[in-house]
Structures are given as C-alpha cells and as structure tokens.
Amino acid sequence: MVTSATTASRTGLYDWFIQRVSAVILLAYVLVCVGWMLANSGFGYTQWSGLFAQTWMKVFSLLALVALAGHAWVGLWVVFTDYLTERMLGAAGKTIRLLAEGASVIIMLAYFVWGIKILWGL
C-alpha cells in the first residue's frame, strides 16, 4: 500500500494521478494550439488575439495554467525531496529544501496570477 509521501499528507498515488491528469490536459492544450496554427496558416496578431478572446479558449487556457502549476509542483517536490536532503547537503539540507520549496511556491503563484491577469485582462 502507498503511504503518505508528501508534506501535505497526500499519498504517492494522488501525486501520480495529478501528474498524469495534468499531462493529458497540457497535451490537449498544445494539440489545440498547434492544430489551430496549422489550420490558420499565415495568421497574425488579430487572428491569434481573436482566438484567445473567446471564452472557451480563456477557460481552456486557465485549466492548462492550473494543470501546469500542479504538474510543476509535484515534479519539483519530488526533485527537492530526492536531491536536497541532509544526507547530500549536511545539516542544512532540510532548511535548503524548505527554502527551495517556498521559493517555488512563490514563483508559481506569481506566474499563476500573472497568467490570470493576461487571460482575463484584470
């Protein structure tokens, strides 16, 4: 049985699920964008902004932004807990890991808010 794996007391299965679902959402988003570009060759700013002015694309972009944040957080958490340890960095390892996690959260929140501002023009 999978036991608690993350600092938020989630299971490894939950993190695995977040990674897979967010990857599918991101793939769908990329395929929609690339498909639109291929279908509209010679497009310019007007056509591109017209696509992103549609509500369905704003919602889909917001969903992709949430998926990206979740995917990045789980991936970074795994990297931090695997490589920023007391065994590898000495006594300061746990502190360095917590600082790295905190910095990542702040950066991801800033990007997320910035993305919402761009999408919805707030």
PDB file of N, CA and C in Angstrom:
ATOM      1  N   MET A   1       0.831  -1.177   0.000  1.00  0.00           N
ATOM      2  CA  MET A   1       0.000   0.000   0.000  1.00  0.00           C
ATOM      3  C   MET A   1       0.877   1.243   0.000  1.00  0.00           C
ATOM      4  N   VAL A   2       0.458   2.252  -0.720  1.00  0.00           N
ATOM      5  CA  VAL A   2       1.190   3.508  -0.780  1.00  0.00           C
ATOM      6  C   VAL A   2       0.920   4.288   0.499  1.00  0.00           C
ATOM      7  N   THR A   3       1.972   4.771   1.120  1.00  0.00           N
ATOM      8  CA  THR A   3       1.803   5.557   2.334  1.00  0.00           C
ATOM      9  C   THR A   3       1.980   7.032   2.028  1.00  0.00           C
ATOM     10  N   SER A   4       1.844   7.851   3.048  1.00  0.00           N
ATOM     11  CA  SER A   4       1.959   9.287   2.881  1.00  0.00           C
ATOM     12  C   SER A   4       3.314   9.651   2.290  1.00  0.00           C
ATOM     13  N   ALA A   5       3.306  10.421   1.217  1.00  0.00           N
ATOM     14  CA  ALA A   5       4.548  10.716   0.517  1.00  0.00           C
ATOM     15  C   ALA A   5       4.900  12.198   0.512  1.00  0.00           C
ATOM     16  N   THR A   6       3.935  13.051   0.613  1.00  0.00           N
ATOM     17  CA  THR A   6       4.228  14.478   0.501  1.00  0.00           C
ATOM     18  C   THR A   6       4.038  15.182   1.822  1.00  0.00           C
ATOM     19  N   THR A   7       4.528  16.416   1.871  1.00  0.00           N
ATOM     20  CA  THR A   7       4.412  17.186   3.108  1.00  0.00           C
ATOM     21  C   THR A   7       2.975  17.566   3.396  1.00  0.00           C
ATOM     22  N   ALA A   8       2.104  17.491   2.421  1.00  0.00           N
ATOM     23  CA  ALA A   8       0.702  17.818   2.635  1.00  0.00           C
ATOM     24  C   ALA A   8      -0.096  16.569   3.027  1.00  0.00           C
ATOM     25  N   SER A   9       0.586  15.496   3.395  1.00  0.00           N
ATOM     26  CA  SER A   9      -0.026  14.238   3.829  1.00  0.00           C
ATOM     27  C   SER A   9      -0.894  13.604   2.751  1.00  0.00           C
ATOM     28  N   ARG A  10      -0.511  13.780   1.515  1.00  0.00           N
ATOM     29  CA  ARG A  10      -1.193  13.092   0.427  1.00  0.00           C
ATOM     30  C   ARG A  10      -0.468  11.777   0.190  1.00  0.00           C
ATOM     31  N   THR A  11      -1.038  10.944  -0.639  1.00  0.00           N
ATOM     32  CA  THR A  11      -0.375   9.687  -0.967  1.00  0.00           C
ATOM     33  C   THR A  11       0.383   9.834  -2.270  1.00  0.00           C
ATOM     34  N   GLY A  12       1.317   8.946  -2.493  1.00  0.00           N
ATOM     35  CA  GLY A  12       2.054   8.935  -3.757  1.00  0.00           C
ATOM     36  C   GLY A  12       1.126   8.678  -4.929  1.00  0.00           C
ATOM     37  N   LEU A  13       0.065   7.900  -4.706  1.00  0.00           N
ATOM     38  CA  LEU A  13      -0.909   7.628  -5.753  1.00  0.00           C
ATOM     39  C   LEU A  13      -1.608   8.912  -6.183  1.00  0.00           C
ATOM     40  N   TYR A  14      -1.929   9.767  -5.221  1.00  0.00           N
ATOM     41  CA  TYR A  14      -2.570  11.051  -5.517  1.00  0.00           C
ATOM     42  C   TYR A  14      -1.640  11.917  -6.367  1.00  0.00           C
ATOM     43  N   ASP A  15      -0.366  11.981  -6.007  1.00  0.00           N
ATOM     44  CA  ASP A  15       0.608  12.753  -6.781  1.00  0.00           C
ATOM     45  C   ASP A  15       0.764  12.176  -8.195  1.00  0.00           C
ATOM     46  N   TRP A  16       0.797  10.857  -8.292  1.00  0.00           N
ATOM     47  CA  TRP A  16       0.895  10.199  -9.600  1.00  0.00           C
ATOM     48  C   TRP A  16      -0.308  10.584 -10.458  1.00  0.00           C
ATOM     49  N   PHE A  17      -1.494  10.585  -9.854  1.00  0.00           N
ATOM     50  CA  PHE A  17      -2.717  10.932 -10.567  1.00  0.00           C
ATOM     51  C   PHE A  17      -2.683  12.375 -11.051  1.00  0.00           C
ATOM     52  N   ILE A  18      -2.230  13.294 -10.193  1.00  0.00           N
ATOM     53  CA  ILE A  18      -2.107  14.708 -10.589  1.00  0.00           C
ATOM     54  C   ILE A  18      -1.176  14.838 -11.787  1.00  0.00           C
ATOM     55  N   GLN A  19      -0.042  14.157 -11.740  1.00  0.00           N
ATOM     56  CA  GLN A  19       0.925  14.225 -12.849  1.00  0.00           C
ATOM     57  C   GLN A  19       0.298  13.752 -14.152  1.00  0.00           C
ATOM     58  N   ARG A  20      -0.413  12.635 -14.109  1.00  0.00           N
ATOM     59  CA  ARG A  20      -0.977  12.065 -15.341  1.00  0.00           C
ATOM     60  C   ARG A  20      -2.116  12.901 -15.894  1.00  0.00           C
ATOM     61  N   VAL A  21      -3.036  13.325 -15.037  1.00  0.00           N
ATOM     62  CA  VAL A  21      -4.176  14.127 -15.499  1.00  0.00           C
ATOM     63  C   VAL A  21      -3.693  15.480 -16.031  1.00  0.00           C
ATOM     64  N   SER A  22      -2.773  16.114 -15.310  1.00  0.00           N
ATOM     65  CA  SER A  22      -2.273  17.408 -15.775  1.00  0.00           C
ATOM     66  C   SER A  22      -1.509  17.266 -17.089  1.00  0.00           C
ATOM     67  N   ALA A  23      -0.794  16.160 -17.258  1.00  0.00           N
ATOM     68  CA  ALA A  23      -0.076  15.936 -18.520  1.00  0.00           C
ATOM     69  C   ALA A  23      -1.054  15.787 -19.686  1.00  0.00           C
ATOM     70  N   VAL A  24      -2.159  15.105 -19.466  1.00  0.00           N
ATOM     71  CA  VAL A  24      -3.169  14.940 -20.522  1.00  0.00           C
ATOM     72  C   VAL A  24      -3.788  16.292 -20.873  1.00  0.00           C
ATOM     73  N   ILE A  25      -4.094  17.095 -19.869  1.00  0.00           N
ATOM     74  CA  ILE A  25      -4.666  18.430 -20.112  1.00  0.00           C
ATOM     75  C   ILE A  25      -3.676  19.293 -20.894  1.00  0.00           C
ATOM     76  N   LEU A  26      -2.415  19.276 -20.497  1.00  0.00           N
ATOM     77  CA  LEU A  26      -1.397  20.069 -21.193  1.00  0.00           C
ATOM     78  C   LEU A  26      -1.201  19.586 -22.627  1.00  0.00           C
ATOM     79  N   LEU A  27      -1.227  18.274 -22.836  1.00  0.00           N
ATOM     80  CA  LEU A  27      -1.117  17.738 -24.194  1.00  0.00           C
ATOM     81  C   LEU A  27      -2.291  18.202 -25.048  1.00  0.00           C
ATOM     82  N   ALA A  28      -3.504  18.132 -24.499  1.00  0.00           N
ATOM     83  CA  ALA A  28      -4.684  18.578 -25.239  1.00  0.00           C
ATOM     84  C   ALA A  28      -4.574  20.057 -25.596  1.00  0.00           C
ATOM     85  N   TYR A  29      -4.077  20.860 -24.664  1.00  0.00           N
ATOM     86  CA  TYR A  29      -3.926  22.290 -24.912  1.00  0.00           C
ATOM     87  C   TYR A  29      -2.924  22.550 -26.038  1.00  0.00           C
ATOM     88  N   VAL A  30      -1.804  21.871 -25.988  1.00  0.00           N
ATOM     89  CA  VAL A  30      -0.789  22.031 -27.037  1.00  0.00           C
ATOM     90  C   VAL A  30      -1.349  21.586 -28.383  1.00  0.00           C
ATOM     91  N   LEU A  31      -2.060  20.463 -28.409  1.00  0.00           N
ATOM     92  CA  LEU A  31      -2.626  19.972 -29.668  1.00  0.00           C
ATOM     93  C   LEU A  31      -3.656  20.946 -30.238  1.00  0.00           C
ATOM     94  N   VAL A  32      -4.475  21.548 -29.376  1.00  0.00           N
ATOM     95  CA  VAL A  32      -5.459  22.538 -29.847  1.00  0.00           C
ATOM     96  C   VAL A  32      -4.738  23.751 -30.432  1.00  0.00           C
ATOM     97  N   CYS A  33      -3.732  24.244 -29.727  1.00  0.00           N
ATOM     98  CA  CYS A  33      -2.998  25.426 -30.220  1.00  0.00           C
ATOM     99  C   CYS A  33      -2.268  25.131 -31.522  1.00  0.00           C
ATOM    100  N   VAL A  34      -1.578  24.010 -31.586  1.00  0.00           N
ATOM    101  CA  VAL A  34      -0.849  23.647 -32.810  1.00  0.00           C
ATOM    102  C   VAL A  34      -1.830  23.372 -33.947  1.00  0.00           C
ATOM    103  N   GLY A  35      -2.918  22.673 -33.638  1.00  0.00           N
ATOM    104  CA  GLY A  35      -3.941  22.414 -34.665  1.00  0.00           C
ATOM    105  C   GLY A  35      -4.525  23.702 -35.214  1.00  0.00           C
ATOM    106  N   TRP A  36      -4.782  24.668 -34.336  1.00  0.00           N
ATOM    107  CA  TRP A  36      -5.317  25.955 -34.785  1.00  0.00           C
ATOM    108  C   TRP A  36      -4.303  26.667 -35.675  1.00  0.00           C
ATOM    109  N   MET A  37      -3.026  26.608 -35.282  1.00  0.00           N
ATOM    110  CA  MET A  37      -1.990  27.259 -36.094  1.00  0.00           C
ATOM    111  C   MET A  37      -1.870  26.616 -37.471  1.00  0.00           C
ATOM    112  N   LEU A  38      -1.961  25.296 -37.518  1.00  0.00           N
ATOM    113  CA  LEU A  38      -1.872  24.601 -38.808  1.00  0.00           C
ATOM    114  C   LEU A  38      -3.094  24.876 -39.677  1.00  0.00           C
ATOM    115  N   ALA A  39      -4.245  25.005 -39.065  1.00  0.00           N
ATOM    116  CA  ALA A  39      -5.477  25.272 -39.809  1.00  0.00           C
ATOM    117  C   ALA A  39      -5.568  26.717 -40.276  1.00  0.00           C
ATOM    118  N   ASN A  40      -4.835  27.609 -39.634  1.00  0.00           N
ATOM    119  CA  ASN A  40      -4.894  29.037 -39.963  1.00  0.00           C
ATOM    120  C   ASN A  40      -3.511  29.544 -40.349  1.00  0.00           C
ATOM    121  N   SER A  41      -2.972  28.993 -41.405  1.00  0.00           N
ATOM    122  CA  SER A  41      -1.634  29.418 -41.821  1.00  0.00           C
ATOM    123  C   SER A  41      -1.655  30.890 -42.221  1.00  0.00           C
ATOM    124  N   GLY A  42      -0.568  31.559 -41.943  1.00  0.00           N
ATOM    125  CA  GLY A  42      -0.476  32.976 -42.256  1.00  0.00           C
ATOM    126  C   GLY A  42      -1.241  33.851 -41.282  1.00  0.00           C
ATOM    127  N   PHE A  43      -1.535  33.321 -40.112  1.00  0.00           N
ATOM    128  CA  PHE A  43      -2.280  34.113 -39.139  1.00  0.00           C
ATOM    129  C   PHE A  43      -1.386  35.182 -38.528  1.00  0.00           C
ATOM    130  N   GLY A  44      -2.008  36.205 -38.012  1.00  0.00           N
ATOM    131  CA  GLY A  44      -1.290  37.300 -37.370  1.00  0.00           C
ATOM    132  C   GLY A  44      -1.849  37.576 -36.001  1.00  0.00           C
ATOM    133  N   TYR A  45      -1.481  38.717 -35.484  1.00  0.00           N
ATOM    134  CA  TYR A  45      -1.893  39.095 -34.129  1.00  0.00           C
ATOM    135  C   TYR A  45      -3.416  39.153 -33.997  1.00  0.00           C
ATOM    136  N   THR A  46      -4.083  39.675 -34.995  1.00  0.00           N
ATOM    137  CA  THR A  46      -5.540  39.830 -34.929  1.00  0.00           C
ATOM    138  C   THR A  46      -6.230  38.479 -34.786  1.00  0.00           C
ATOM    139  N   GLN A  47      -5.816  37.501 -35.594  1.00  0.00           N
ATOM    140  CA  GLN A  47      -6.423  36.178 -35.520  1.00  0.00           C
ATOM    141  C   GLN A  47      -6.078  35.479 -34.194  1.00  0.00           C
ATOM    142  N   TRP A  48      -4.819  35.618 -33.763  1.00  0.00           N
ATOM    143  CA  TRP A  48      -4.368  34.981 -32.531  1.00  0.00           C
ATOM    144  C   TRP A  48      -5.108  35.577 -31.325  1.00  0.00           C
ATOM    145  N   SER A  49      -5.216  36.909 -31.280  1.00  0.00           N
ATOM    146  CA  SER A  49      -5.939  37.537 -30.168  1.00  0.00           C
ATOM    147  C   SER A  49      -7.431  37.227 -30.254  1.00  0.00           C
ATOM    148  N   GLY A  50      -7.945  37.044 -31.463  1.00  0.00           N
ATOM    149  CA  GLY A  50      -9.345  36.651 -31.622  1.00  0.00           C
ATOM    150  C   GLY A  50      -9.619  35.277 -31.034  1.00  0.00           C
ATOM    151  N   LEU A  51      -8.671  34.360 -31.204  1.00  0.00           N
ATOM    152  CA  LEU A  51      -8.802  33.030 -30.617  1.00  0.00           C
ATOM    153  C   LEU A  51      -8.851  33.120 -29.097  1.00  0.00           C
ATOM    154  N   PHE A  52      -7.930  33.888 -28.533  1.00  0.00           N
ATOM    155  CA  PHE A  52      -7.855  33.981 -27.078  1.00  0.00           C
ATOM    156  C   PHE A  52      -8.910  34.915 -26.481  1.00  0.00           C
ATOM    157  N   ALA A  53      -9.650  35.633 -27.308  1.00  0.00           N
ATOM    158  CA  ALA A  53     -10.749  36.466 -26.820  1.00  0.00           C
ATOM    159  C   ALA A  53     -12.005  35.633 -26.578  1.00  0.00           C
ATOM    160  N   GLN A  54     -12.054  34.438 -27.145  1.00  0.00           N
ATOM    161  CA  GLN A  54     -13.215  33.571 -26.976  1.00  0.00           C
ATOM    162  C   GLN A  54     -13.208  32.973 -25.569  1.00  0.00           C
ATOM    163  N   THR A  55     -14.384  32.910 -24.961  1.00  0.00           N
ATOM    164  CA  THR A  55     -14.487  32.434 -23.583  1.00  0.00           C
ATOM    165  C   THR A  55     -14.002  31.002 -23.432  1.00  0.00           C
ATOM    166  N   TRP A  56     -14.325  30.128 -24.375  1.00  0.00           N
ATOM    167  CA  TRP A  56     -13.917  28.726 -24.249  1.00  0.00           C
ATOM    168  C   TRP A  56     -12.396  28.604 -24.221  1.00  0.00           C
ATOM    169  N   MET A  57     -11.703  29.446 -24.987  1.00  0.00           N
ATOM    170  CA  MET A  57     -10.245  29.379 -25.015  1.00  0.00           C
ATOM    171  C   MET A  57      -9.656  29.963 -23.736  1.00  0.00           C
ATOM    172  N   LYS A  58     -10.288  30.992 -23.198  1.00  0.00           N
ATOM    173  CA  LYS A  58      -9.830  31.539 -21.915  1.00  0.00           C
ATOM    174  C   LYS A  58      -9.964  30.495 -20.809  1.00  0.00           C
ATOM    175  N   VAL A  59     -11.098  29.814 -20.779  1.00  0.00           N
ATOM    176  CA  VAL A  59     -11.325  28.779 -19.764  1.00  0.00           C
ATOM    177  C   VAL A  59     -10.345  27.623 -19.964  1.00  0.00           C
ATOM    178  N   PHE A  60     -10.141  27.197 -21.207  1.00  0.00           N
ATOM    179  CA  PHE A  60      -9.207  26.119 -21.512  1.00  0.00           C
ATOM    180  C   PHE A  60      -7.785  26.531 -21.142  1.00  0.00           C
ATOM    181  N   SER A  61      -7.423  27.780 -21.397  1.00  0.00           N
ATOM    182  CA  SER A  61      -6.097  28.281 -21.028  1.00  0.00           C
ATOM    183  C   SER A  61      -5.933  28.330 -19.515  1.00  0.00           C
ATOM    184  N   LEU A  62      -6.984  28.711 -18.809  1.00  0.00           N
ATOM    185  CA  LEU A  62      -6.937  28.725 -17.353  1.00  0.00           C
ATOM    186  C   LEU A  62      -6.785  27.307 -16.806  1.00  0.00           C
ATOM    187  N   LEU A  63      -7.506  26.367 -17.392  1.00  0.00           N
ATOM    188  CA  LEU A  63      -7.373  24.960 -17.000  1.00  0.00           C
ATOM    189  C   LEU A  63      -5.945  24.471 -17.242  1.00  0.00           C
ATOM    190  N   ALA A  64      -5.371  24.847 -18.383  1.00  0.00           N
ATOM    191  CA  ALA A  64      -3.991  24.473 -18.681  1.00  0.00           C
ATOM    192  C   ALA A  64      -3.020  25.117 -17.696  1.00  0.00           C
ATOM    193  N   LEU A  65      -3.297  26.332 -17.282  1.00  0.00           N
ATOM    194  CA  LEU A  65      -2.452  27.024 -16.307  1.00  0.00           C
ATOM    195  C   LEU A  65      -2.498  26.319 -14.946  1.00  0.00           C
ATOM    196  N   VAL A  66      -3.691  25.902 -14.528  1.00  0.00           N
ATOM    197  CA  VAL A  66      -3.838  25.147 -13.278  1.00  0.00           C
ATOM    198  C   VAL A  66      -3.114  23.802 -13.395  1.00  0.00           C
ATOM    199  N   ALA A  67      -3.275  23.141 -14.536  1.00  0.00           N
ATOM    200  CA  ALA A  67      -2.605  21.856 -14.758  1.00  0.00           C
ATOM    201  C   ALA A  67      -1.089  22.020 -14.736  1.00  0.00           C
ATOM    202  N   LEU A  68      -0.599  23.081 -15.334  1.00  0.00           N
ATOM    203  CA  LEU A  68       0.839  23.340 -15.346  1.00  0.00           C
ATOM    204  C   LEU A  68       1.366  23.561 -13.931  1.00  0.00           C
ATOM    205  N   ALA A  69       0.629  24.312 -13.126  1.00  0.00           N
ATOM    206  CA  ALA A  69       1.053  24.563 -11.746  1.00  0.00           C
ATOM    207  C   ALA A  69       1.068  23.268 -10.937  1.00  0.00           C
ATOM    208  N   GLY A  70       0.039  22.448 -11.073  1.00  0.00           N
ATOM    209  CA  GLY A  70       0.008  21.178 -10.355  1.00  0.00           C
ATOM    210  C   GLY A  70       1.101  20.235 -10.800  1.00  0.00           C
ATOM    211  N   HIS A  71       1.297  20.147 -12.095  1.00  0.00           N
ATOM    212  CA  HIS A  71       2.329  19.281 -12.662  1.00  0.00           C
ATOM    213  C   HIS A  71       3.716  19.724 -12.200  1.00  0.00           C
ATOM    214  N   ALA A  72       3.954  21.015 -12.241  1.00  0.00           N
ATOM    215  CA  ALA A  72       5.257  21.547 -11.830  1.00  0.00           C
ATOM    216  C   ALA A  72       5.495  21.336 -10.345  1.00  0.00           C
ATOM    217  N   TRP A  73       4.463  21.557  -9.525  1.00  0.00           N
ATOM    218  CA  TRP A  73       4.649  21.413  -8.086  1.00  0.00           C
ATOM    219  C   TRP A  73       5.012  19.972  -7.717  1.00  0.00           C
ATOM    220  N   VAL A  74       4.280  19.002  -8.240  1.00  0.00           N
ATOM    221  CA  VAL A  74       4.573  17.607  -7.914  1.00  0.00           C
ATOM    222  C   VAL A  74       5.971  17.240  -8.411  1.00  0.00           C
ATOM    223  N   GLY A  75       6.312  17.648  -9.613  1.00  0.00           N
ATOM    224  CA  GLY A  75       7.639  17.347 -10.147  1.00  0.00           C
ATOM    225  C   GLY A  75       8.755  17.979  -9.342  1.00  0.00           C
ATOM    226  N   LEU A  76       8.599  19.240  -8.989  1.00  0.00           N
ATOM    227  CA  LEU A  76       9.631  19.906  -8.195  1.00  0.00           C
ATOM    228  C   LEU A  76       9.731  19.327  -6.794  1.00  0.00           C
ATOM    229  N   TRP A  77       8.590  18.992  -6.199  1.00  0.00           N
ATOM    230  CA  TRP A  77       8.618  18.408  -4.861  1.00  0.00           C
ATOM    231  C   TRP A  77       9.422  17.105  -4.874  1.00  0.00           C
ATOM    232  N   VAL A  78       9.204  16.286  -5.894  1.00  0.00           N
ATOM    233  CA  VAL A  78       9.939  15.017  -5.992  1.00  0.00           C
ATOM    234  C   VAL A  78      11.434  15.279  -6.146  1.00  0.00           C
ATOM    235  N   VAL A  79      11.799  16.209  -6.992  1.00  0.00           N
ATOM    236  CA  VAL A  79      13.216  16.535  -7.184  1.00  0.00           C
ATOM    237  C   VAL A  79      13.821  17.065  -5.887  1.00  0.00           C
ATOM    238  N   PHE A  80      13.118  17.982  -5.225  1.00  0.00           N
ATOM    239  CA  PHE A  80      13.643  18.552  -3.978  1.00  0.00           C
ATOM    240  C   PHE A  80      13.820  17.483  -2.904  1.00  0.00           C
ATOM    241  N   THR A  81      12.825  16.617  -2.738  1.00  0.00           N
ATOM    242  CA  THR A  81      12.940  15.606  -1.687  1.00  0.00           C
ATOM    243  C   THR A  81      13.961  14.526  -2.038  1.00  0.00           C
ATOM    244  N   ASP A  82      14.224  14.318  -3.304  1.00  0.00           N
ATOM    245  CA  ASP A  82      15.232  13.328  -3.702  1.00  0.00           C
ATOM    246  C   ASP A  82      16.652  13.868  -3.600  1.00  0.00           C
ATOM    247  N   TYR A  83      16.846  15.143  -3.924  1.00  0.00           N
ATOM    248  CA  TYR A  83      18.203  15.668  -4.051  1.00  0.00           C
ATOM    249  C   TYR A  83      18.607  16.697  -3.003  1.00  0.00           C
ATOM    250  N   LEU A  84      17.668  17.314  -2.345  1.00  0.00           N
ATOM    251  CA  LEU A  84      18.007  18.290  -1.303  1.00  0.00           C
ATOM    252  C   LEU A  84      17.755  17.653   0.061  1.00  0.00           C
ATOM    253  N   THR A  85      18.629  16.756   0.439  1.00  0.00           N
ATOM    254  CA  THR A  85      18.475  16.008   1.686  1.00  0.00           C
ATOM    255  C   THR A  85      19.641  16.297   2.622  1.00  0.00           C
ATOM    256  N   GLU A  86      19.447  15.936   3.881  1.00  0.00           N
ATOM    257  CA  GLU A  86      20.514  16.105   4.864  1.00  0.00           C
ATOM    258  C   GLU A  86      21.700  15.209   4.525  1.00  0.00           C
ATOM    259  N   ARG A  87      21.408  14.055   3.958  1.00  0.00           N
ATOM    260  CA  ARG A  87      22.485  13.133   3.587  1.00  0.00           C
ATOM    261  C   ARG A  87      23.376  13.746   2.504  1.00  0.00           C
ATOM    262  N   MET A  88      22.782  14.495   1.578  1.00  0.00           N
ATOM    263  CA  MET A  88      23.551  15.076   0.479  1.00  0.00           C
ATOM    264  C   MET A  88      24.131  16.445   0.824  1.00  0.00           C
ATOM    265  N   LEU A  89      23.420  17.222   1.640  1.00  0.00           N
ATOM    266  CA  LEU A  89      23.833  18.601   1.906  1.00  0.00           C
ATOM    267  C   LEU A  89      24.252  18.846   3.354  1.00  0.00           C
ATOM    268  N   GLY A  90      24.247  17.828   4.157  1.00  0.00           N
ATOM    269  CA  GLY A  90      24.616  18.007   5.556  1.00  0.00           C
ATOM    270  C   GLY A  90      23.445  18.516   6.373  1.00  0.00           C
ATOM    271  N   ALA A  91      23.755  19.105   7.498  1.00  0.00           N
ATOM    272  CA  ALA A  91      22.739  19.551   8.449  1.00  0.00           C
ATOM    273  C   ALA A  91      21.791  20.594   7.858  1.00  0.00           C
ATOM    274  N   ALA A  92      22.237  21.345   6.884  1.00  0.00           N
ATOM    275  CA  ALA A  92      21.405  22.410   6.297  1.00  0.00           C
ATOM    276  C   ALA A  92      20.488  21.887   5.203  1.00  0.00           C
ATOM    277  N   GLY A  93      20.535  20.598   4.916  1.00  0.00           N
ATOM    278  CA  GLY A  93      19.760  20.040   3.810  1.00  0.00           C
ATOM    279  C   GLY A  93      18.266  20.279   3.908  1.00  0.00           C
ATOM    280  N   LYS A  94      17.697  20.044   5.090  1.00  0.00           N
ATOM    281  CA  LYS A  94      16.258  20.239   5.255  1.00  0.00           C
ATOM    282  C   LYS A  94      15.883  21.708   5.102  1.00  0.00           C
ATOM    283  N   THR A  95      16.695  22.596   5.650  1.00  0.00           N
ATOM    284  CA  THR A  95      16.435  24.033   5.529  1.00  0.00           C
ATOM    285  C   THR A  95      16.522  24.484   4.077  1.00  0.00           C
ATOM    286  N   ILE A  96      17.523  23.998   3.371  1.00  0.00           N
ATOM    287  CA  ILE A  96      17.675  24.353   1.956  1.00  0.00           C
ATOM    288  C   ILE A  96      16.476  23.851   1.164  1.00  0.00           C
ATOM    289  N   ARG A  97      16.021  22.615   1.460  1.00  0.00           N
ATOM    290  CA  ARG A  97      14.859  22.068   0.758  1.00  0.00           C
ATOM    291  C   ARG A  97      13.620  22.909   1.029  1.00  0.00           C
ATOM    292  N   LEU A  98      13.391  23.293   2.276  1.00  0.00           N
ATOM    293  CA  LEU A  98      12.221  24.107   2.598  1.00  0.00           C
ATOM    294  C   LEU A  98      12.284  25.477   1.933  1.00  0.00           C
ATOM    295  N   LEU A  99      13.465  26.064   1.871  1.00  0.00           N
ATOM    296  CA  LEU A  99      13.626  27.349   1.176  1.00  0.00           C
ATOM    297  C   LEU A  99      13.350  27.196  -0.321  1.00  0.00           C
ATOM    298  N   ALA A 100      13.854  26.116  -0.910  1.00  0.00           N
ATOM    299  CA  ALA A 100      13.619  25.860  -2.339  1.00  0.00           C
ATOM    300  C   ALA A 100      12.130  25.645  -2.602  1.00  0.00           C
ATOM    301  N   GLU A 101      11.464  24.887  -1.735  1.00  0.00           N
ATOM    302  CA  GLU A 101      10.023  24.674  -1.895  1.00  0.00           C
ATOM    303  C   GLU A 101       9.251  25.984  -1.750  1.00  0.00           C
ATOM    304  N   GLY A 102       9.614  26.778  -0.747  1.00  0.00           N
ATOM    305  CA  GLY A 102       8.948  28.066  -0.548  1.00  0.00           C
ATOM    306  C   GLY A 102       9.133  29.002  -1.725  1.00  0.00           C
ATOM    307  N   ALA A 103      10.362  29.065  -2.236  1.00  0.00           N
ATOM    308  CA  ALA A 103      10.635  29.913  -3.406  1.00  0.00           C
ATOM    309  C   ALA A 103       9.833  29.433  -4.608  1.00  0.00           C
ATOM    310  N   SER A 104       9.734  28.118  -4.783  1.00  0.00           N
ATOM    311  CA  SER A 104       8.967  27.567  -5.903  1.00  0.00           C
ATOM    312  C   SER A 104       7.493  27.923  -5.793  1.00  0.00           C
ATOM    313  N   VAL A 105       6.944  27.840  -4.597  1.00  0.00           N
ATOM    314  CA  VAL A 105       5.537  28.188  -4.396  1.00  0.00           C
ATOM    315  C   VAL A 105       5.300  29.658  -4.723  1.00  0.00           C
ATOM    316  N   ILE A 106       6.176  30.523  -4.255  1.00  0.00           N
ATOM    317  CA  ILE A 106       6.032  31.958  -4.524  1.00  0.00           C
ATOM    318  C   ILE A 106       6.113  32.245  -6.023  1.00  0.00           C
ATOM    319  N   ILE A 107       7.084  31.635  -6.687  1.00  0.00           N
ATOM    320  CA  ILE A 107       7.241  31.843  -8.132  1.00  0.00           C
ATOM    321  C   ILE A 107       6.028  31.310  -8.888  1.00  0.00           C
ATOM    322  N   MET A 108       5.550  30.107  -8.524  1.00  0.00           N
ATOM    323  CA  MET A 108       4.388  29.543  -9.213  1.00  0.00           C
ATOM    324  C   MET A 108       3.138  30.382  -8.989  1.00  0.00           C
ATOM    325  N   LEU A 109       2.949  30.888  -7.776  1.00  0.00           N
ATOM    326  CA  LEU A 109       1.804  31.761  -7.521  1.00  0.00           C
ATOM    327  C   LEU A 109       1.890  33.051  -8.332  1.00  0.00           C
ATOM    328  N   ALA A 110       3.080  33.608  -8.418  1.00  0.00           N
ATOM    329  CA  ALA A 110       3.263  34.828  -9.208  1.00  0.00           C
ATOM    330  C   ALA A 110       2.939  34.575 -10.679  1.00  0.00           C
ATOM    331  N   TYR A 111       3.442  33.464 -11.218  1.00  0.00           N
ATOM    332  CA  TYR A 111       3.144  33.126 -12.612  1.00  0.00           C
ATOM    333  C   TYR A 111       1.652  32.859 -12.818  1.00  0.00           C
ATOM    334  N   PHE A 112       1.026  32.204 -11.845  1.00  0.00           N
ATOM    335  CA  PHE A 112      -0.389  31.896 -11.951  1.00  0.00           C
ATOM    336  C   PHE A 112      -1.225  33.180 -11.962  1.00  0.00           C
ATOM    337  N   VAL A 113      -0.942  34.082 -11.047  1.00  0.00           N
ATOM    338  CA  VAL A 113      -1.666  35.361 -11.002  1.00  0.00           C
ATOM    339  C   VAL A 113      -1.406  36.164 -12.272  1.00  0.00           C
ATOM    340  N   TRP A 114      -0.169  36.157 -12.736  1.00  0.00           N
ATOM    341  CA  TRP A 114       0.182  36.855 -13.970  1.00  0.00           C
ATOM    342  C   TRP A 114      -0.578  36.258 -15.155  1.00  0.00           C
ATOM    343  N   GLY A 115      -0.673  34.935 -15.205  1.00  0.00           N
ATOM    344  CA  GLY A 115      -1.417  34.269 -16.271  1.00  0.00           C
ATOM    345  C   GLY A 115      -2.888  34.643 -16.258  1.00  0.00           C
ATOM    346  N   ILE A 116      -3.486  34.702 -15.080  1.00  0.00           N
ATOM    347  CA  ILE A 116      -4.890  35.106 -14.973  1.00  0.00           C
ATOM    348  C   ILE A 116      -5.057  36.550 -15.433  1.00  0.00           C
ATOM    349  N   LYS A 117      -4.128  37.395 -15.041  1.00  0.00           N
ATOM    350  CA  LYS A 117      -4.169  38.803 -15.456  1.00  0.00           C
ATOM    351  C   LYS A 117      -4.104  38.915 -16.982  1.00  0.00           C
ATOM    352  N   ILE A 118      -3.240  38.143 -17.599  1.00  0.00           N
ATOM    353  CA  ILE A 118      -3.111  38.170 -19.053  1.00  0.00           C
ATOM    354  C   ILE A 118      -4.379  37.627 -19.717  1.00  0.00           C
ATOM    355  N   LEU A 119      -4.878  36.487 -19.237  1.00  0.00           N
ATOM    356  CA  LEU A 119      -6.038  35.850 -19.859  1.00  0.00           C
ATOM    357  C   LEU A 119      -7.309  36.677 -19.739  1.00  0.00           C
ATOM    358  N   TRP A 120      -7.577  37.179 -18.557  1.00  0.00           N
ATOM    359  CA  TRP A 120      -8.840  37.837 -18.296  1.00  0.00           C
ATOM    360  C   TRP A 120      -8.724  39.356 -18.275  1.00  0.00           C
ATOM    361  N   GLY A 121      -7.515  39.882 -18.481  1.00  0.00           N
ATOM    362  CA  GLY A 121      -7.328  41.327 -18.565  1.00  0.00           C
ATOM    363  C   GLY A 121      -7.671  42.055 -17.276  1.00  0.00           C
ATOM    364  N   LEU A 122      -7.338  41.446 -16.140  1.00  0.00           N
ATOM    365  CA  LEU A 122      -7.645  42.065 -14.846  1.00  0.00           C
ATOM    366  C   LEU A 122      -6.611  43.075 -14.449  1.00  0.00           C
TER     367      LEU A 122
END
